[in-house]
Amino acid sequence: MADHSAIEWTDATWNPVTGCTKITAGCDNCYAARFSERFRGVPGHPFENGFDLTLRPERVDQPLRWRRGRMIFVNSMSDLFHKAIPKEFIDQVFETMETADWHTYQVLTKRSPRLRDYLKGRYADRAPPSHIWTGVSVEDRKGAARVEHLRDSPSAVRFLSVEPLIGPVGDIDLSGIHWVIAGGESGPNARVMHIDWAREIRDACRDQDVPFFFKQWGGYRPKSGGRELDGREWSEWPQSRQVAG
């Protein structure tokens, strides 16, 4: 668990699972895989096994030890809804989030059908907690189905992470979506994000009254291009945001 995160839209990260497998073009230059694989084979290192999917049960209760409220990005180094993660383990993660309710959690996935089905089962007879936000990654127009799956999921706050933005998303229906993050790719093989793609998303948010957060232009380093879009920074948040104490 990292108490301080360089990610602009969160305060901390919590990784009860690490490692993943690539399933879309947005995964091609995954920062988490690139970082993890640097340490493959290093005895005793947390990433001794590189980016192989690894359950870390010793980390499941970490948020309970943090008494000051934080915005926590869940599994920044994995995907909680990967098909190889047992439902029982996902249950444990959600039980911790529900218990440590002084934090706000941001759960982000590309496996949107499993997210939808899990949430429908878990919250079939009760309201989803307001402090657990769920989102899906969308890198271009091919991710439209993930938005539909998210819209069909019981969640207090639904958000889109449109990053790395590697193509236009086209006309996007944001009904039932409470927040949109957009940003370009970073790293040695970063693909260029065209300004019209970013404007398209921003304008859709403005037209449909959805808060818009522009994270970065990207480049070789995350901060290479700054955060301004058309002369200003966009750092809007959902109205239900819980401010860390």
C-alpha atoms as a PDB file:
ATOM      1  CA  MET A   1       0.000   0.000   0.000  1.00  0.00           C
ATOM      2  CA  ALA A   2       1.447   3.353  -1.033  1.00  0.00           C
ATOM      3  CA  ASP A   3       0.454   6.191   1.278  1.00  0.00           C
ATOM      4  CA  HIS A   4       1.202   8.777  -1.408  1.00  0.00           C
ATOM      5  CA  SER A   5       0.449   8.327  -5.082  1.00  0.00           C
ATOM      6  CA  ALA A   6       1.696  10.281  -8.079  1.00  0.00           C
ATOM      7  CA  ILE A   7      -1.626   9.551  -9.783  1.00  0.00           C
ATOM      8  CA  GLU A   8      -3.464  12.868  -9.873  1.00  0.00           C
ATOM      9  CA  TRP A   9      -6.915  11.478  -9.166  1.00  0.00           C
ATOM     10  CA  THR A  10      -6.171   9.467  -6.036  1.00  0.00           C
ATOM     11  CA  ASP A  11      -4.324   9.718  -2.712  1.00  0.00           C
ATOM     12  CA  ALA A  12      -3.021   6.201  -2.202  1.00  0.00           C
ATOM     13  CA  THR A  13      -2.888   2.746  -3.784  1.00  0.00           C
ATOM     14  CA  TRP A  14      -3.746  -0.675  -2.366  1.00  0.00           C
ATOM     15  CA  ASN A  15      -2.755  -3.873  -4.129  1.00  0.00           C
ATOM     16  CA  PRO A  16      -4.216  -7.058  -2.604  1.00  0.00           C
ATOM     17  CA  VAL A  17      -3.464  -8.548  -6.034  1.00  0.00           C
ATOM     18  CA  THR A  18      -0.558  -7.831  -8.374  1.00  0.00           C
ATOM     19  CA  GLY A  19       0.040  -8.947 -11.924  1.00  0.00           C
ATOM     20  CA  CYS A  20      -2.337  -9.313 -14.817  1.00  0.00           C
ATOM     21  CA  THR A  21      -2.671 -10.374 -18.469  1.00  0.00           C
ATOM     22  CA  LYS A  22      -3.162  -8.108 -21.470  1.00  0.00           C
ATOM     23  CA  ILE A  23      -6.573  -8.182 -23.145  1.00  0.00           C
ATOM     24  CA  THR A  24      -6.921  -4.956 -25.178  1.00  0.00           C
ATOM     25  CA  ALA A  25      -4.763  -2.604 -27.225  1.00  0.00           C
ATOM     26  CA  GLY A  26      -4.805  -0.272 -24.243  1.00  0.00           C
ATOM     27  CA  CYS A  27      -2.737  -2.855 -22.359  1.00  0.00           C
ATOM     28  CA  ASP A  28       0.077  -2.981 -24.929  1.00  0.00           C
ATOM     29  CA  ASN A  29       2.425  -0.644 -23.046  1.00  0.00           C
ATOM     30  CA  CYS A  30       1.132  -1.294 -19.531  1.00  0.00           C
ATOM     31  CA  TYR A  31       3.141   0.719 -17.004  1.00  0.00           C
ATOM     32  CA  ALA A  32       2.493  -1.822 -14.242  1.00  0.00           C
ATOM     33  CA  ALA A  33       3.848  -4.683 -16.339  1.00  0.00           C
ATOM     34  CA  ARG A  34       6.878  -2.659 -17.379  1.00  0.00           C
ATOM     35  CA  PHE A  35       7.668  -1.766 -13.772  1.00  0.00           C
ATOM     36  CA  SER A  36       7.100  -5.265 -12.387  1.00  0.00           C
ATOM     37  CA  GLU A  37       9.149  -7.099 -14.984  1.00  0.00           C
ATOM     38  CA  ARG A  38      12.236  -5.061 -14.079  1.00  0.00           C
ATOM     39  CA  PHE A  39      12.439  -7.096 -10.869  1.00  0.00           C
ATOM     40  CA  ARG A  40      11.650 -10.574 -12.174  1.00  0.00           C
ATOM     41  CA  GLY A  41      14.060 -13.046 -10.651  1.00  0.00           C
ATOM     42  CA  VAL A  42      15.283 -10.714  -7.885  1.00  0.00           C
ATOM     43  CA  PRO A  43      15.142 -12.912  -4.743  1.00  0.00           C
ATOM     44  CA  GLY A  44      12.901 -11.522  -2.028  1.00  0.00           C
ATOM     45  CA  HIS A  45      11.583  -8.617  -4.087  1.00  0.00           C
ATOM     46  CA  PRO A  46       7.778  -8.114  -4.084  1.00  0.00           C
ATOM     47  CA  PHE A  47       7.911  -8.555  -7.864  1.00  0.00           C
ATOM     48  CA  GLU A  48      10.286 -11.508  -7.901  1.00  0.00           C
ATOM     49  CA  ASN A  49       7.736 -13.198 -10.177  1.00  0.00           C
ATOM     50  CA  GLY A  50       7.400 -10.159 -12.401  1.00  0.00           C
ATOM     51  CA  PHE A  51       3.874  -9.414 -13.552  1.00  0.00           C
ATOM     52  CA  ASP A  52       2.519 -12.920 -12.965  1.00  0.00           C
ATOM     53  CA  LEU A  53      -0.908 -12.749 -11.327  1.00  0.00           C
ATOM     54  CA  THR A  54      -0.333 -13.053  -7.568  1.00  0.00           C
ATOM     55  CA  LEU A  55      -2.856 -12.987  -4.727  1.00  0.00           C
ATOM     56  CA  ARG A  56      -1.523 -11.216  -1.649  1.00  0.00           C
ATOM     57  CA  PRO A  57      -3.820 -12.158   1.260  1.00  0.00           C
ATOM     58  CA  GLU A  58      -1.482 -10.501   3.754  1.00  0.00           C
ATOM     59  CA  ARG A  59      -2.481  -7.139   2.251  1.00  0.00           C
ATOM     60  CA  VAL A  60      -6.252  -7.580   2.357  1.00  0.00           C
ATOM     61  CA  ASP A  61      -6.691  -5.810   5.702  1.00  0.00           C
ATOM     62  CA  GLN A  62      -4.282  -2.914   5.019  1.00  0.00           C
ATOM     63  CA  PRO A  63      -6.946  -0.157   4.765  1.00  0.00           C
ATOM     64  CA  LEU A  64      -8.142  -1.043   8.266  1.00  0.00           C
ATOM     65  CA  ARG A  65      -4.791   0.143   9.632  1.00  0.00           C
ATOM     66  CA  TRP A  66      -5.053   3.608   8.084  1.00  0.00           C
ATOM     67  CA  ARG A  67      -7.161   5.720  10.381  1.00  0.00           C
ATOM     68  CA  ARG A  68      -7.078   8.936   8.341  1.00  0.00           C
ATOM     69  CA  GLY A  69      -9.446   8.804   5.383  1.00  0.00           C
ATOM     70  CA  ARG A  70      -7.911   8.525   1.944  1.00  0.00           C
ATOM     71  CA  MET A  71      -8.978   8.189  -1.656  1.00  0.00           C
ATOM     72  CA  ILE A  72      -7.619   4.717  -2.485  1.00  0.00           C
ATOM     73  CA  PHE A  73      -7.069   3.302  -5.968  1.00  0.00           C
ATOM     74  CA  VAL A  74      -7.647  -0.452  -5.621  1.00  0.00           C
ATOM     75  CA  ASN A  75      -5.244  -2.722  -7.533  1.00  0.00           C
ATOM     76  CA  SER A  76      -3.235  -0.137  -9.418  1.00  0.00           C
ATOM     77  CA  MET A  77      -0.927  -3.050 -10.319  1.00  0.00           C
ATOM     78  CA  SER A  78      -3.607  -5.557 -11.351  1.00  0.00           C
ATOM     79  CA  ASP A  79      -7.316  -6.014 -12.110  1.00  0.00           C
ATOM     80  CA  LEU A  80      -9.547  -7.222  -9.280  1.00  0.00           C
ATOM     81  CA  PHE A  81     -11.952  -8.854 -11.749  1.00  0.00           C
ATOM     82  CA  HIS A  82      -9.397 -10.927 -13.624  1.00  0.00           C
ATOM     83  CA  LYS A  83     -10.945 -14.331 -14.381  1.00  0.00           C
ATOM     84  CA  ALA A  84      -8.242 -16.138 -12.384  1.00  0.00           C
ATOM     85  CA  ILE A  85      -9.063 -14.358  -9.112  1.00  0.00           C
ATOM     86  CA  PRO A  86     -11.469 -16.469  -7.018  1.00  0.00           C
ATOM     87  CA  LYS A  87     -14.770 -14.870  -6.097  1.00  0.00           C
ATOM     88  CA  GLU A  88     -14.018 -15.657  -2.442  1.00  0.00           C
ATOM     89  CA  PHE A  89     -10.938 -13.454  -2.610  1.00  0.00           C
ATOM     90  CA  ILE A  90     -12.900 -10.612  -4.225  1.00  0.00           C
ATOM     91  CA  ASP A  91     -15.410 -11.007  -1.382  1.00  0.00           C
ATOM     92  CA  GLN A  92     -12.623 -10.476   1.157  1.00  0.00           C
ATOM     93  CA  VAL A  93     -11.503  -7.294  -0.596  1.00  0.00           C
ATOM     94  CA  PHE A  94     -15.065  -5.935  -0.629  1.00  0.00           C
ATOM     95  CA  GLU A  95     -15.557  -6.858   3.017  1.00  0.00           C
ATOM     96  CA  THR A  96     -12.511  -4.774   3.913  1.00  0.00           C
ATOM     97  CA  MET A  97     -13.772  -1.849   1.834  1.00  0.00           C
ATOM     98  CA  GLU A  98     -17.205  -2.029   3.425  1.00  0.00           C
ATOM     99  CA  THR A  99     -15.716  -2.179   6.935  1.00  0.00           C
ATOM    100  CA  ALA A 100     -13.091   0.559   6.475  1.00  0.00           C
ATOM    101  CA  ASP A 101     -15.732   3.009   5.314  1.00  0.00           C
ATOM    102  CA  TRP A 102     -13.801   6.136   6.283  1.00  0.00           C
ATOM    103  CA  HIS A 103     -11.883   5.741   3.006  1.00  0.00           C
ATOM    104  CA  THR A 104     -13.177   6.193  -0.540  1.00  0.00           C
ATOM    105  CA  TYR A 105     -12.224   3.365  -2.919  1.00  0.00           C
ATOM    106  CA  GLN A 106     -11.784   3.536  -6.678  1.00  0.00           C
ATOM    107  CA  VAL A 107     -12.122   0.089  -8.263  1.00  0.00           C
ATOM    108  CA  LEU A 108     -11.149   0.102 -11.945  1.00  0.00           C
ATOM    109  CA  THR A 109     -11.359  -2.820 -14.376  1.00  0.00           C
ATOM    110  CA  LYS A 110     -11.286  -3.822 -18.022  1.00  0.00           C
ATOM    111  CA  ARG A 111     -13.250  -7.001 -17.174  1.00  0.00           C
ATOM    112  CA  SER A 112     -16.587  -5.216 -17.118  1.00  0.00           C
ATOM    113  CA  PRO A 113     -18.915  -8.241 -17.473  1.00  0.00           C
ATOM    114  CA  ARG A 114     -17.490  -9.797 -14.314  1.00  0.00           C
ATOM    115  CA  LEU A 115     -17.705  -6.466 -12.473  1.00  0.00           C
ATOM    116  CA  ARG A 116     -21.367  -6.111 -13.437  1.00  0.00           C
ATOM    117  CA  ASP A 117     -22.273  -9.650 -12.465  1.00  0.00           C
ATOM    118  CA  TYR A 118     -20.402  -9.460  -9.174  1.00  0.00           C
ATOM    119  CA  LEU A 119     -22.012  -6.174  -8.122  1.00  0.00           C
ATOM    120  CA  LYS A 120     -25.479  -7.379  -9.087  1.00  0.00           C
ATOM    121  CA  GLY A 121     -24.991 -10.402  -6.852  1.00  0.00           C
ATOM    122  CA  ARG A 122     -23.411  -8.615  -3.916  1.00  0.00           C
ATOM    123  CA  TYR A 123     -25.895  -5.754  -3.815  1.00  0.00           C
ATOM    124  CA  ALA A 124     -29.005  -7.628  -4.943  1.00  0.00           C
ATOM    125  CA  ASP A 125     -30.893  -6.740  -1.766  1.00  0.00           C
ATOM    126  CA  ARG A 126     -29.128  -3.626  -0.491  1.00  0.00           C
ATOM    127  CA  ALA A 127     -27.807  -0.334  -1.768  1.00  0.00           C
ATOM    128  CA  PRO A 128     -24.164  -0.233  -2.862  1.00  0.00           C
ATOM    129  CA  PRO A 129     -21.997   1.737  -0.403  1.00  0.00           C
ATOM    130  CA  SER A 130     -21.476   5.377  -1.306  1.00  0.00           C
ATOM    131  CA  HIS A 131     -17.728   5.181  -0.584  1.00  0.00           C
ATOM    132  CA  ILE A 132     -16.999   2.429  -3.151  1.00  0.00           C
ATOM    133  CA  TRP A 133     -16.680   3.819  -6.670  1.00  0.00           C
ATOM    134  CA  THR A 134     -16.462   1.489  -9.650  1.00  0.00           C
ATOM    135  CA  GLY A 135     -15.089   2.246 -13.078  1.00  0.00           C
ATOM    136  CA  VAL A 136     -14.015   0.794 -16.397  1.00  0.00           C
ATOM    137  CA  SER A 137     -11.084   1.573 -18.669  1.00  0.00           C
ATOM    138  CA  VAL A 138     -11.860   2.750 -22.203  1.00  0.00           C
ATOM    139  CA  GLU A 139      -9.073   3.456 -24.698  1.00  0.00           C
ATOM    140  CA  ASP A 140     -11.084   4.082 -27.895  1.00  0.00           C
ATOM    141  CA  ARG A 141     -14.494   3.430 -29.435  1.00  0.00           C
ATOM    142  CA  LYS A 142     -13.989  -0.348 -29.046  1.00  0.00           C
ATOM    143  CA  GLY A 143     -14.533   0.058 -25.303  1.00  0.00           C
ATOM    144  CA  ALA A 144     -18.176   1.127 -25.676  1.00  0.00           C
ATOM    145  CA  ALA A 145     -19.463  -2.229 -24.421  1.00  0.00           C
ATOM    146  CA  ARG A 146     -17.610  -1.729 -21.141  1.00  0.00           C
ATOM    147  CA  VAL A 147     -19.516   1.521 -20.603  1.00  0.00           C
ATOM    148  CA  GLU A 148     -22.793  -0.352 -21.082  1.00  0.00           C
ATOM    149  CA  HIS A 149     -21.744  -3.027 -18.587  1.00  0.00           C
ATOM    150  CA  LEU A 150     -20.820  -0.353 -16.051  1.00  0.00           C
ATOM    151  CA  ARG A 151     -24.100   1.487 -16.561  1.00  0.00           C
ATOM    152  CA  ASP A 152     -25.896  -1.773 -15.784  1.00  0.00           C
ATOM    153  CA  SER A 153     -23.966  -2.225 -12.520  1.00  0.00           C
ATOM    154  CA  PRO A 154     -25.290  -1.185  -9.103  1.00  0.00           C
ATOM    155  CA  SER A 155     -22.797   1.404  -7.901  1.00  0.00           C
ATOM    156  CA  ALA A 156     -23.029   4.711  -6.056  1.00  0.00           C
ATOM    157  CA  VAL A 157     -20.418   6.322  -8.322  1.00  0.00           C
ATOM    158  CA  ARG A 158     -19.592   5.014 -11.796  1.00  0.00           C
ATOM    159  CA  PHE A 159     -16.550   6.403 -13.563  1.00  0.00           C
ATOM    160  CA  LEU A 160     -14.633   6.002 -16.814  1.00  0.00           C
ATOM    161  CA  SER A 161     -10.863   6.034 -17.101  1.00  0.00           C
ATOM    162  CA  VAL A 162     -10.324   6.952 -20.739  1.00  0.00           C
ATOM    163  CA  GLU A 163      -6.586   6.335 -20.671  1.00  0.00           C
ATOM    164  CA  PRO A 164      -4.423   5.673 -22.410  1.00  0.00           C
ATOM    165  CA  LEU A 165      -6.546   7.384 -25.050  1.00  0.00           C
ATOM    166  CA  ILE A 166      -5.235   5.819 -28.268  1.00  0.00           C
ATOM    167  CA  GLY A 167      -8.146   6.598 -30.597  1.00  0.00           C
ATOM    168  CA  PRO A 168     -11.410   8.523 -30.789  1.00  0.00           C
ATOM    169  CA  VAL A 169     -14.239   7.266 -28.596  1.00  0.00           C
ATOM    170  CA  GLY A 170     -16.915   8.635 -30.919  1.00  0.00           C
ATOM    171  CA  ASP A 171     -20.397   9.515 -29.701  1.00  0.00           C
ATOM    172  CA  ILE A 172     -20.565   8.337 -26.102  1.00  0.00           C
ATOM    173  CA  ASP A 173     -23.647   8.084 -23.915  1.00  0.00           C
ATOM    174  CA  LEU A 174     -22.719   9.150 -20.388  1.00  0.00           C
ATOM    175  CA  SER A 175     -26.107   8.593 -18.784  1.00  0.00           C
ATOM    176  CA  GLY A 176     -25.588   6.885 -15.434  1.00  0.00           C
ATOM    177  CA  ILE A 177     -21.888   7.837 -15.440  1.00  0.00           C
ATOM    178  CA  HIS A 178     -20.767  10.208 -12.683  1.00  0.00           C
ATOM    179  CA  TRP A 179     -17.161  11.032 -13.614  1.00  0.00           C
ATOM    180  CA  VAL A 180     -14.783  10.779 -16.578  1.00  0.00           C
ATOM    181  CA  ILE A 181     -10.968  10.786 -16.433  1.00  0.00           C
ATOM    182  CA  ALA A 182      -8.996  11.127 -19.677  1.00  0.00           C
ATOM    183  CA  GLY A 183      -5.296  11.054 -20.419  1.00  0.00           C
ATOM    184  CA  GLY A 184      -2.541  10.095 -22.814  1.00  0.00           C
ATOM    185  CA  GLU A 185      -0.075   7.246 -22.606  1.00  0.00           C
ATOM    186  CA  SER A 186       3.361   7.550 -21.021  1.00  0.00           C
ATOM    187  CA  GLY A 187       6.556   5.541 -21.287  1.00  0.00           C
ATOM    188  CA  PRO A 188       9.264   4.812 -23.873  1.00  0.00           C
ATOM    189  CA  ASN A 189       6.742   3.576 -26.470  1.00  0.00           C
ATOM    190  CA  ALA A 190       3.937   6.005 -25.721  1.00  0.00           C
ATOM    191  CA  ARG A 191       1.398   6.437 -28.486  1.00  0.00           C
ATOM    192  CA  VAL A 192       0.354   9.980 -29.385  1.00  0.00           C
ATOM    193  CA  MET A 193      -2.990  11.278 -28.178  1.00  0.00           C
ATOM    194  CA  HIS A 194      -4.576  13.709 -30.627  1.00  0.00           C
ATOM    195  CA  ILE A 195      -6.123  16.842 -29.193  1.00  0.00           C
ATOM    196  CA  ASP A 196      -9.394  16.261 -31.017  1.00  0.00           C
ATOM    197  CA  TRP A 197      -9.859  12.951 -29.175  1.00  0.00           C
ATOM    198  CA  ALA A 198      -9.462  14.685 -25.816  1.00  0.00           C
ATOM    199  CA  ARG A 199     -11.747  17.540 -26.831  1.00  0.00           C
ATOM    200  CA  GLU A 200     -14.388  15.066 -27.967  1.00  0.00           C
ATOM    201  CA  ILE A 201     -14.546  13.526 -24.488  1.00  0.00           C
ATOM    202  CA  ARG A 202     -14.435  16.863 -22.681  1.00  0.00           C
ATOM    203  CA  ASP A 203     -17.233  18.233 -24.840  1.00  0.00           C
ATOM    204  CA  ALA A 204     -19.367  15.130 -24.263  1.00  0.00           C
ATOM    205  CA  CYS A 205     -18.912  15.636 -20.516  1.00  0.00           C
ATOM    206  CA  ARG A 206     -19.871  19.295 -20.736  1.00  0.00           C
ATOM    207  CA  ASP A 207     -22.912  18.568 -22.895  1.00  0.00           C
ATOM    208  CA  GLN A 208     -24.097  15.790 -20.565  1.00  0.00           C
ATOM    209  CA  ASP A 209     -23.164  17.517 -17.286  1.00  0.00           C
ATOM    210  CA  VAL A 210     -20.555  14.964 -16.180  1.00  0.00           C
ATOM    211  CA  PRO A 211     -17.423  16.055 -14.250  1.00  0.00           C
ATOM    212  CA  PHE A 212     -14.280  15.832 -16.396  1.00  0.00           C
ATOM    213  CA  PHE A 213     -10.724  15.247 -15.147  1.00  0.00           C
ATOM    214  CA  PHE A 214      -7.876  15.619 -17.638  1.00  0.00           C
ATOM    215  CA  LYS A 215      -4.952  13.718 -16.174  1.00  0.00           C
ATOM    216  CA  GLN A 216      -2.076  14.239 -18.633  1.00  0.00           C
ATOM    217  CA  TRP A 217      -0.919  14.472 -22.230  1.00  0.00           C
ATOM    218  CA  GLY A 218       1.681  11.805 -21.549  1.00  0.00           C
ATOM    219  CA  GLY A 219       4.877  11.197 -23.440  1.00  0.00           C
ATOM    220  CA  TYR A 220       8.131   9.601 -22.408  1.00  0.00           C
ATOM    221  CA  ARG A 221       7.316  10.578 -18.816  1.00  0.00           C
ATOM    222  CA  PRO A 222       3.803  11.019 -17.383  1.00  0.00           C
ATOM    223  CA  LYS A 223       4.342  14.734 -16.772  1.00  0.00           C
ATOM    224  CA  SER A 224       6.083  15.395 -20.098  1.00  0.00           C
ATOM    225  CA  GLY A 225       3.181  17.229 -21.720  1.00  0.00           C
ATOM    226  CA  GLY A 226       1.575  18.746 -18.652  1.00  0.00           C
ATOM    227  CA  ARG A 227      -2.144  18.721 -17.847  1.00  0.00           C
ATOM    228  CA  GLU A 228      -3.592  21.681 -19.719  1.00  0.00           C
ATOM    229  CA  LEU A 229      -6.237  21.216 -22.379  1.00  0.00           C
ATOM    230  CA  ASP A 230      -7.123  24.357 -24.324  1.00  0.00           C
ATOM    231  CA  GLY A 231      -5.340  26.608 -21.864  1.00  0.00           C
ATOM    232  CA  ARG A 232      -6.598  25.257 -18.563  1.00  0.00           C
ATOM    233  CA  GLU A 233      -6.451  22.288 -16.232  1.00  0.00           C
ATOM    234  CA  TRP A 234      -9.597  20.208 -15.860  1.00  0.00           C
ATOM    235  CA  SER A 235      -9.845  18.740 -12.358  1.00  0.00           C
ATOM    236  CA  GLU A 236     -13.539  18.160 -11.796  1.00  0.00           C
ATOM    237  CA  TRP A 237     -14.843  15.545  -9.347  1.00  0.00           C
ATOM    238  CA  PRO A 238     -18.130  13.784  -8.638  1.00  0.00           C
ATOM    239  CA  GLN A 239     -20.363  15.715  -6.254  1.00  0.00           C
ATOM    240  CA  SER A 240     -20.345  12.811  -3.793  1.00  0.00           C
ATOM    241  CA  ARG A 241     -16.591  12.922  -3.350  1.00  0.00           C
ATOM    242  CA  GLN A 242     -15.577  12.301   0.256  1.00  0.00           C
ATOM    243  CA  VAL A 243     -12.799  14.642   1.274  1.00  0.00           C
ATOM    244  CA  ALA A 244      -9.993  12.881   3.140  1.00  0.00           C
ATOM    245  CA  GLY A 245      -9.655  13.970   6.751  1.00  0.00           C
END
